[in-house]
Amino acid sequence: MHIYQPNAPWAQLDLKRQSDAELESLRELREFGEEIPYRIDESSGLLNFGRSDNGDALFWNRSDAADSDNWTVAIKEARGEEWFEFGGGVVEFLQDFLMRKVRVPVFPGDVPIEGAGFAPYGT
């Protein structure tokens, strides 16, 4: 799993660049008839913050744009139309996911592997 960073030295990890590209992809899917159950054209909509190794997109659902403590997590299946929503924030999601307290149906069943943790990217 890769978490994007503001002003990252690598384009593949840059929060703004990746979020803009993912939102454009969602707009194209919507134009071709796929239902997108979240706002994607407003500042209070989705913001892509990461990606799984399989290409599943991780978003903040900014339904309450004024209070980031209320942002939840939404995950879009990479090669399908399924979405998963986690009712807490990113840190809570990552903690619960790595501790196997939450299972994400769009991820493979063996994820995360035993002993998974965080590793920083080099600078």
N, C-alpha and C. Protein backbone atom coordinates (compact mmCIF):
# COMPACT_ATOMS: atom_id res chain seq x y z
N MET A 1 0.85 -1.16 0.00
CA MET A 1 0.00 0.00 0.00
C MET A 1 0.90 1.23 0.00
N HIS A 2 0.53 2.20 -0.79
CA HIS A 2 1.33 3.42 -0.91
C HIS A 2 0.47 4.60 -0.49
N ILE A 3 0.99 5.42 0.42
CA ILE A 3 0.29 6.60 0.89
C ILE A 3 0.97 7.81 0.26
N TYR A 4 0.17 8.65 -0.41
CA TYR A 4 0.71 9.80 -1.11
C TYR A 4 1.12 10.90 -0.14
N GLN A 5 2.03 11.75 -0.62
CA GLN A 5 2.58 12.82 0.19
C GLN A 5 2.47 14.14 -0.56
N PRO A 6 2.17 15.22 0.15
CA PRO A 6 2.20 16.53 -0.51
C PRO A 6 3.62 16.84 -0.99
N ASN A 7 3.74 17.34 -2.19
CA ASN A 7 5.04 17.76 -2.75
C ASN A 7 6.09 16.65 -2.71
N ALA A 8 5.65 15.43 -2.98
CA ALA A 8 6.58 14.29 -2.97
C ALA A 8 7.62 14.46 -4.08
N PRO A 9 8.84 13.99 -3.86
CA PRO A 9 9.88 14.11 -4.89
C PRO A 9 9.62 13.20 -6.09
N TRP A 10 8.71 12.22 -5.95
CA TRP A 10 8.37 11.33 -7.06
C TRP A 10 6.92 11.55 -7.45
N ALA A 11 6.67 11.71 -8.74
CA ALA A 11 5.32 11.98 -9.24
C ALA A 11 4.34 10.89 -8.81
N GLN A 12 4.80 9.63 -8.75
CA GLN A 12 3.92 8.52 -8.40
C GLN A 12 3.40 8.60 -6.96
N LEU A 13 4.04 9.40 -6.14
CA LEU A 13 3.63 9.52 -4.73
C LEU A 13 3.11 10.90 -4.38
N ASP A 14 3.02 11.79 -5.36
CA ASP A 14 2.60 13.16 -5.09
C ASP A 14 1.09 13.22 -4.89
N LEU A 15 0.66 13.70 -3.73
CA LEU A 15 -0.75 13.72 -3.36
C LEU A 15 -1.61 14.46 -4.38
N LYS A 16 -1.26 15.67 -4.74
CA LYS A 16 -2.09 16.45 -5.66
C LYS A 16 -2.12 15.83 -7.05
N ARG A 17 -0.97 15.47 -7.56
CA ARG A 17 -0.90 14.90 -8.91
C ARG A 17 -1.72 13.60 -8.99
N GLN A 18 -1.54 12.71 -8.03
CA GLN A 18 -2.25 11.44 -8.07
C GLN A 18 -3.74 11.60 -7.82
N SER A 19 -4.11 12.50 -6.91
CA SER A 19 -5.53 12.72 -6.64
C SER A 19 -6.23 13.33 -7.86
N ASP A 20 -5.60 14.31 -8.48
CA ASP A 20 -6.19 14.91 -9.70
C ASP A 20 -6.38 13.86 -10.79
N ALA A 21 -5.39 13.00 -10.98
CA ALA A 21 -5.48 11.98 -12.03
C ALA A 21 -6.57 10.96 -11.71
N GLU A 22 -6.66 10.55 -10.45
CA GLU A 22 -7.68 9.55 -10.06
C GLU A 22 -9.09 10.13 -10.19
N LEU A 23 -9.26 11.38 -9.80
CA LEU A 23 -10.58 12.00 -9.92
C LEU A 23 -10.98 12.15 -11.39
N GLU A 24 -10.02 12.44 -12.24
CA GLU A 24 -10.31 12.51 -13.68
C GLU A 24 -10.74 11.14 -14.20
N SER A 25 -10.08 10.09 -13.73
CA SER A 25 -10.47 8.74 -14.12
C SER A 25 -11.89 8.42 -13.67
N LEU A 26 -12.25 8.83 -12.45
CA LEU A 26 -13.61 8.60 -11.97
C LEU A 26 -14.64 9.37 -12.80
N ARG A 27 -14.28 10.58 -13.20
CA ARG A 27 -15.20 11.36 -14.05
C ARG A 27 -15.42 10.66 -15.39
N GLU A 28 -14.37 10.10 -15.95
CA GLU A 28 -14.50 9.36 -17.21
C GLU A 28 -15.36 8.11 -17.02
N LEU A 29 -15.16 7.39 -15.93
CA LEU A 29 -16.00 6.21 -15.67
C LEU A 29 -17.46 6.62 -15.54
N ARG A 30 -17.71 7.73 -14.87
CA ARG A 30 -19.09 8.22 -14.72
C ARG A 30 -19.69 8.57 -16.07
N GLU A 31 -18.90 9.20 -16.94
CA GLU A 31 -19.38 9.54 -18.29
C GLU A 31 -19.77 8.30 -19.08
N PHE A 32 -19.11 7.18 -18.81
CA PHE A 32 -19.41 5.93 -19.51
C PHE A 32 -20.44 5.08 -18.77
N GLY A 33 -21.09 5.66 -17.76
CA GLY A 33 -22.22 5.01 -17.12
C GLY A 33 -21.98 4.36 -15.78
N GLU A 34 -20.74 4.35 -15.30
CA GLU A 34 -20.50 3.74 -13.98
C GLU A 34 -21.02 4.67 -12.90
N GLU A 35 -21.69 4.08 -11.92
CA GLU A 35 -22.20 4.87 -10.81
C GLU A 35 -21.06 5.15 -9.82
N ILE A 36 -20.85 6.41 -9.52
CA ILE A 36 -19.86 6.82 -8.53
C ILE A 36 -20.65 7.34 -7.34
N PRO A 37 -20.67 6.65 -6.21
CA PRO A 37 -21.56 7.00 -5.11
C PRO A 37 -21.08 8.16 -4.23
N TYR A 38 -20.08 8.89 -4.69
CA TYR A 38 -19.53 10.00 -3.92
C TYR A 38 -19.41 11.23 -4.81
N ARG A 39 -19.30 12.39 -4.17
CA ARG A 39 -19.08 13.63 -4.93
C ARG A 39 -17.63 13.63 -5.42
N ILE A 40 -17.47 13.98 -6.68
CA ILE A 40 -16.11 14.03 -7.24
C ILE A 40 -15.82 15.34 -7.93
N ASP A 41 -16.78 16.24 -7.96
CA ASP A 41 -16.58 17.51 -8.66
C ASP A 41 -16.53 18.70 -7.71
N GLU A 42 -16.41 18.45 -6.43
CA GLU A 42 -16.45 19.52 -5.45
C GLU A 42 -15.28 19.37 -4.47
N SER A 43 -14.93 20.47 -3.84
CA SER A 43 -13.85 20.42 -2.86
C SER A 43 -14.25 19.62 -1.63
N SER A 44 -15.53 19.36 -1.46
CA SER A 44 -15.98 18.56 -0.32
C SER A 44 -16.22 17.11 -0.71
N GLY A 45 -15.67 16.69 -1.85
CA GLY A 45 -15.85 15.32 -2.30
C GLY A 45 -14.66 14.45 -1.95
N LEU A 46 -14.34 13.53 -2.83
CA LEU A 46 -13.25 12.60 -2.59
C LEU A 46 -11.88 13.23 -2.82
N LEU A 47 -10.91 12.77 -2.05
CA LEU A 47 -9.51 13.14 -2.23
C LEU A 47 -8.70 11.85 -2.13
N ASN A 48 -8.04 11.48 -3.21
CA ASN A 48 -7.26 10.24 -3.28
C ASN A 48 -5.99 10.40 -2.44
N PHE A 49 -5.80 9.52 -1.46
CA PHE A 49 -4.61 9.62 -0.62
C PHE A 49 -3.66 8.45 -0.75
N GLY A 50 -4.04 7.44 -1.53
CA GLY A 50 -3.13 6.30 -1.67
C GLY A 50 -3.66 5.26 -2.62
N ARG A 51 -2.90 4.18 -2.74
CA ARG A 51 -3.23 3.10 -3.68
C ARG A 51 -2.69 1.79 -3.13
N SER A 52 -3.43 0.73 -3.36
CA SER A 52 -2.95 -0.60 -2.97
C SER A 52 -2.00 -1.11 -4.06
N ASP A 53 -1.30 -2.18 -3.77
CA ASP A 53 -0.40 -2.78 -4.76
C ASP A 53 -1.17 -3.30 -5.97
N ASN A 54 -2.46 -3.59 -5.80
CA ASN A 54 -3.30 -4.06 -6.91
C ASN A 54 -3.95 -2.92 -7.69
N GLY A 55 -3.72 -1.67 -7.27
CA GLY A 55 -4.28 -0.54 -7.98
C GLY A 55 -5.58 -0.01 -7.41
N ASP A 56 -6.06 -0.57 -6.29
CA ASP A 56 -7.27 -0.05 -5.66
C ASP A 56 -6.97 1.34 -5.11
N ALA A 57 -7.89 2.27 -5.33
CA ALA A 57 -7.67 3.66 -4.93
C ALA A 57 -8.26 3.93 -3.55
N LEU A 58 -7.48 4.59 -2.70
CA LEU A 58 -7.90 4.93 -1.34
C LEU A 58 -8.20 6.42 -1.30
N PHE A 59 -9.37 6.76 -0.75
CA PHE A 59 -9.82 8.16 -0.72
C PHE A 59 -10.21 8.59 0.68
N TRP A 60 -10.04 9.90 0.93
CA TRP A 60 -10.75 10.54 2.01
C TRP A 60 -12.11 10.91 1.44
N ASN A 61 -13.17 10.61 2.15
CA ASN A 61 -14.50 11.10 1.80
C ASN A 61 -14.72 12.36 2.63
N ARG A 62 -14.56 13.50 1.99
CA ARG A 62 -14.63 14.79 2.69
C ARG A 62 -16.06 15.32 2.69
N SER A 63 -16.99 14.54 3.19
CA SER A 63 -18.39 14.96 3.21
C SER A 63 -18.60 16.17 4.12
N ASP A 64 -17.72 16.32 5.10
CA ASP A 64 -17.73 17.49 5.98
C ASP A 64 -16.40 18.22 5.75
N ALA A 65 -16.35 19.02 4.69
CA ALA A 65 -15.10 19.66 4.28
C ALA A 65 -14.52 20.56 5.37
N ALA A 66 -15.37 21.10 6.21
CA ALA A 66 -14.91 22.04 7.23
C ALA A 66 -14.20 21.36 8.40
N ASP A 67 -14.41 20.06 8.57
CA ASP A 67 -13.84 19.37 9.73
C ASP A 67 -13.20 18.06 9.30
N SER A 68 -11.89 18.08 9.10
CA SER A 68 -11.19 16.87 8.62
C SER A 68 -11.25 15.72 9.62
N ASP A 69 -11.58 15.98 10.87
CA ASP A 69 -11.73 14.89 11.83
C ASP A 69 -12.92 14.00 11.48
N ASN A 70 -13.82 14.50 10.66
CA ASN A 70 -15.00 13.73 10.25
C ASN A 70 -14.84 13.05 8.90
N TRP A 71 -13.69 13.18 8.27
CA TRP A 71 -13.47 12.52 6.98
C TRP A 71 -13.37 11.02 7.20
N THR A 72 -14.00 10.27 6.34
CA THR A 72 -13.94 8.81 6.40
C THR A 72 -13.11 8.30 5.22
N VAL A 73 -12.96 6.99 5.14
CA VAL A 73 -12.16 6.37 4.09
C VAL A 73 -13.09 5.62 3.13
N ALA A 74 -12.87 5.81 1.84
CA ALA A 74 -13.57 5.07 0.80
C ALA A 74 -12.52 4.43 -0.10
N ILE A 75 -12.74 3.19 -0.49
CA ILE A 75 -11.79 2.48 -1.33
C ILE A 75 -12.51 1.97 -2.57
N LYS A 76 -11.93 2.27 -3.73
CA LYS A 76 -12.51 1.88 -5.03
C LYS A 76 -11.72 0.72 -5.60
N GLU A 77 -12.45 -0.34 -5.90
CA GLU A 77 -11.84 -1.51 -6.53
C GLU A 77 -11.19 -1.11 -7.85
N ALA A 78 -10.00 -1.61 -8.11
CA ALA A 78 -9.23 -1.19 -9.30
C ALA A 78 -9.88 -1.61 -10.61
N ARG A 79 -10.33 -2.82 -10.68
CA ARG A 79 -10.85 -3.34 -11.95
C ARG A 79 -12.31 -3.75 -11.83
N GLY A 80 -13.08 -2.92 -11.16
CA GLY A 80 -14.49 -3.21 -10.97
C GLY A 80 -15.21 -1.99 -10.44
N GLU A 81 -16.45 -2.20 -10.07
CA GLU A 81 -17.29 -1.09 -9.62
C GLU A 81 -17.53 -1.10 -8.12
N GLU A 82 -16.91 -2.01 -7.39
CA GLU A 82 -17.18 -2.13 -5.96
C GLU A 82 -16.44 -1.06 -5.16
N TRP A 83 -17.12 -0.58 -4.13
CA TRP A 83 -16.57 0.39 -3.19
C TRP A 83 -16.65 -0.21 -1.79
N PHE A 84 -15.72 0.20 -0.94
CA PHE A 84 -15.74 -0.16 0.47
C PHE A 84 -15.62 1.13 1.26
N GLU A 85 -16.40 1.26 2.31
CA GLU A 85 -16.30 2.46 3.14
C GLU A 85 -15.96 2.08 4.57
N PHE A 86 -15.01 2.81 5.13
CA PHE A 86 -14.60 2.65 6.52
C PHE A 86 -15.04 3.90 7.25
N GLY A 87 -15.73 3.75 8.37
CA GLY A 87 -16.34 4.88 9.06
C GLY A 87 -15.40 5.75 9.86
N GLY A 88 -14.13 5.45 9.87
CA GLY A 88 -13.17 6.26 10.60
C GLY A 88 -12.19 6.94 9.66
N GLY A 89 -11.20 7.60 10.24
CA GLY A 89 -10.19 8.31 9.47
C GLY A 89 -9.07 7.41 8.97
N VAL A 90 -8.12 8.02 8.29
CA VAL A 90 -7.03 7.28 7.67
C VAL A 90 -6.16 6.55 8.69
N VAL A 91 -5.78 7.23 9.74
CA VAL A 91 -4.90 6.60 10.73
C VAL A 91 -5.60 5.40 11.37
N GLU A 92 -6.87 5.58 11.73
CA GLU A 92 -7.64 4.48 12.32
C GLU A 92 -7.77 3.32 11.32
N PHE A 93 -8.03 3.67 10.07
CA PHE A 93 -8.15 2.62 9.05
C PHE A 93 -6.85 1.84 8.92
N LEU A 94 -5.72 2.55 8.76
CA LEU A 94 -4.44 1.87 8.60
C LEU A 94 -4.12 0.99 9.80
N GLN A 95 -4.36 1.50 10.98
CA GLN A 95 -4.10 0.72 12.19
C GLN A 95 -4.98 -0.52 12.22
N ASP A 96 -6.29 -0.35 12.01
CA ASP A 96 -7.19 -1.50 12.05
C ASP A 96 -6.91 -2.49 10.93
N PHE A 97 -6.55 -1.99 9.76
CA PHE A 97 -6.24 -2.87 8.64
C PHE A 97 -4.99 -3.70 8.93
N LEU A 98 -3.93 -3.04 9.38
CA LEU A 98 -2.68 -3.75 9.65
C LEU A 98 -2.81 -4.72 10.82
N MET A 99 -3.71 -4.43 11.74
CA MET A 99 -3.93 -5.32 12.88
C MET A 99 -5.01 -6.36 12.57
N ARG A 100 -5.51 -6.34 11.33
CA ARG A 100 -6.53 -7.29 10.86
C ARG A 100 -7.84 -7.18 11.61
N LYS A 101 -8.14 -5.98 12.07
CA LYS A 101 -9.43 -5.74 12.72
C LYS A 101 -10.51 -5.41 11.69
N VAL A 102 -10.09 -5.01 10.51
CA VAL A 102 -11.03 -4.71 9.43
C VAL A 102 -10.55 -5.45 8.19
N ARG A 103 -11.51 -6.02 7.48
CA ARG A 103 -11.20 -6.68 6.22
C ARG A 103 -11.80 -5.85 5.09
N VAL A 104 -11.01 -5.60 4.07
CA VAL A 104 -11.44 -4.81 2.92
C VAL A 104 -11.80 -5.80 1.81
N PRO A 105 -13.08 -5.92 1.46
CA PRO A 105 -13.50 -6.93 0.48
C PRO A 105 -12.87 -6.78 -0.90
N VAL A 106 -12.45 -5.58 -1.28
CA VAL A 106 -11.85 -5.40 -2.60
C VAL A 106 -10.37 -5.77 -2.63
N PHE A 107 -9.78 -6.03 -1.46
CA PHE A 107 -8.39 -6.46 -1.38
C PHE A 107 -8.35 -7.99 -1.40
N PRO A 108 -7.24 -8.58 -1.84
CA PRO A 108 -7.10 -10.04 -1.78
C PRO A 108 -7.25 -10.54 -0.33
N GLY A 109 -7.71 -11.75 -0.16
CA GLY A 109 -7.97 -12.30 1.16
C GLY A 109 -6.75 -12.47 2.03
N ASP A 110 -5.55 -12.54 1.44
CA ASP A 110 -4.33 -12.74 2.24
C ASP A 110 -3.64 -11.43 2.59
N VAL A 111 -4.33 -10.32 2.40
CA VAL A 111 -3.76 -8.99 2.68
C VAL A 111 -4.41 -8.46 3.95
N PRO A 112 -3.65 -7.92 4.88
CA PRO A 112 -2.20 -7.76 4.86
C PRO A 112 -1.50 -9.05 5.29
N ILE A 113 -0.27 -9.18 4.86
CA ILE A 113 0.51 -10.34 5.28
C ILE A 113 0.89 -10.20 6.74
N GLU A 114 1.15 -11.31 7.37
CA GLU A 114 1.56 -11.31 8.77
C GLU A 114 2.83 -10.48 8.93
N GLY A 115 2.85 -9.63 9.92
CA GLY A 115 4.02 -8.81 10.19
C GLY A 115 4.13 -7.55 9.34
N ALA A 116 3.07 -7.21 8.59
CA ALA A 116 3.11 -5.99 7.76
C ALA A 116 3.26 -4.77 8.65
N GLY A 117 3.91 -3.76 8.14
CA GLY A 117 4.11 -2.52 8.89
C GLY A 117 4.43 -1.39 7.94
N PHE A 118 4.91 -0.30 8.48
CA PHE A 118 5.25 0.87 7.67
C PHE A 118 6.74 0.92 7.40
N ALA A 119 7.07 1.36 6.21
CA ALA A 119 8.47 1.60 5.84
C ALA A 119 8.52 2.91 5.08
N PRO A 120 9.35 3.85 5.49
CA PRO A 120 9.42 5.13 4.79
C PRO A 120 10.10 5.00 3.44
N TYR A 121 9.73 5.89 2.54
CA TYR A 121 10.41 5.96 1.24
C TYR A 121 11.70 6.75 1.43
N GLY A 122 12.71 6.40 0.65
CA GLY A 122 13.97 7.15 0.70
C GLY A 122 13.78 8.54 0.16
N THR A 123 14.67 9.43 0.51
CA THR A 123 14.57 10.82 0.03
C THR A 123 15.59 11.09 -1.05
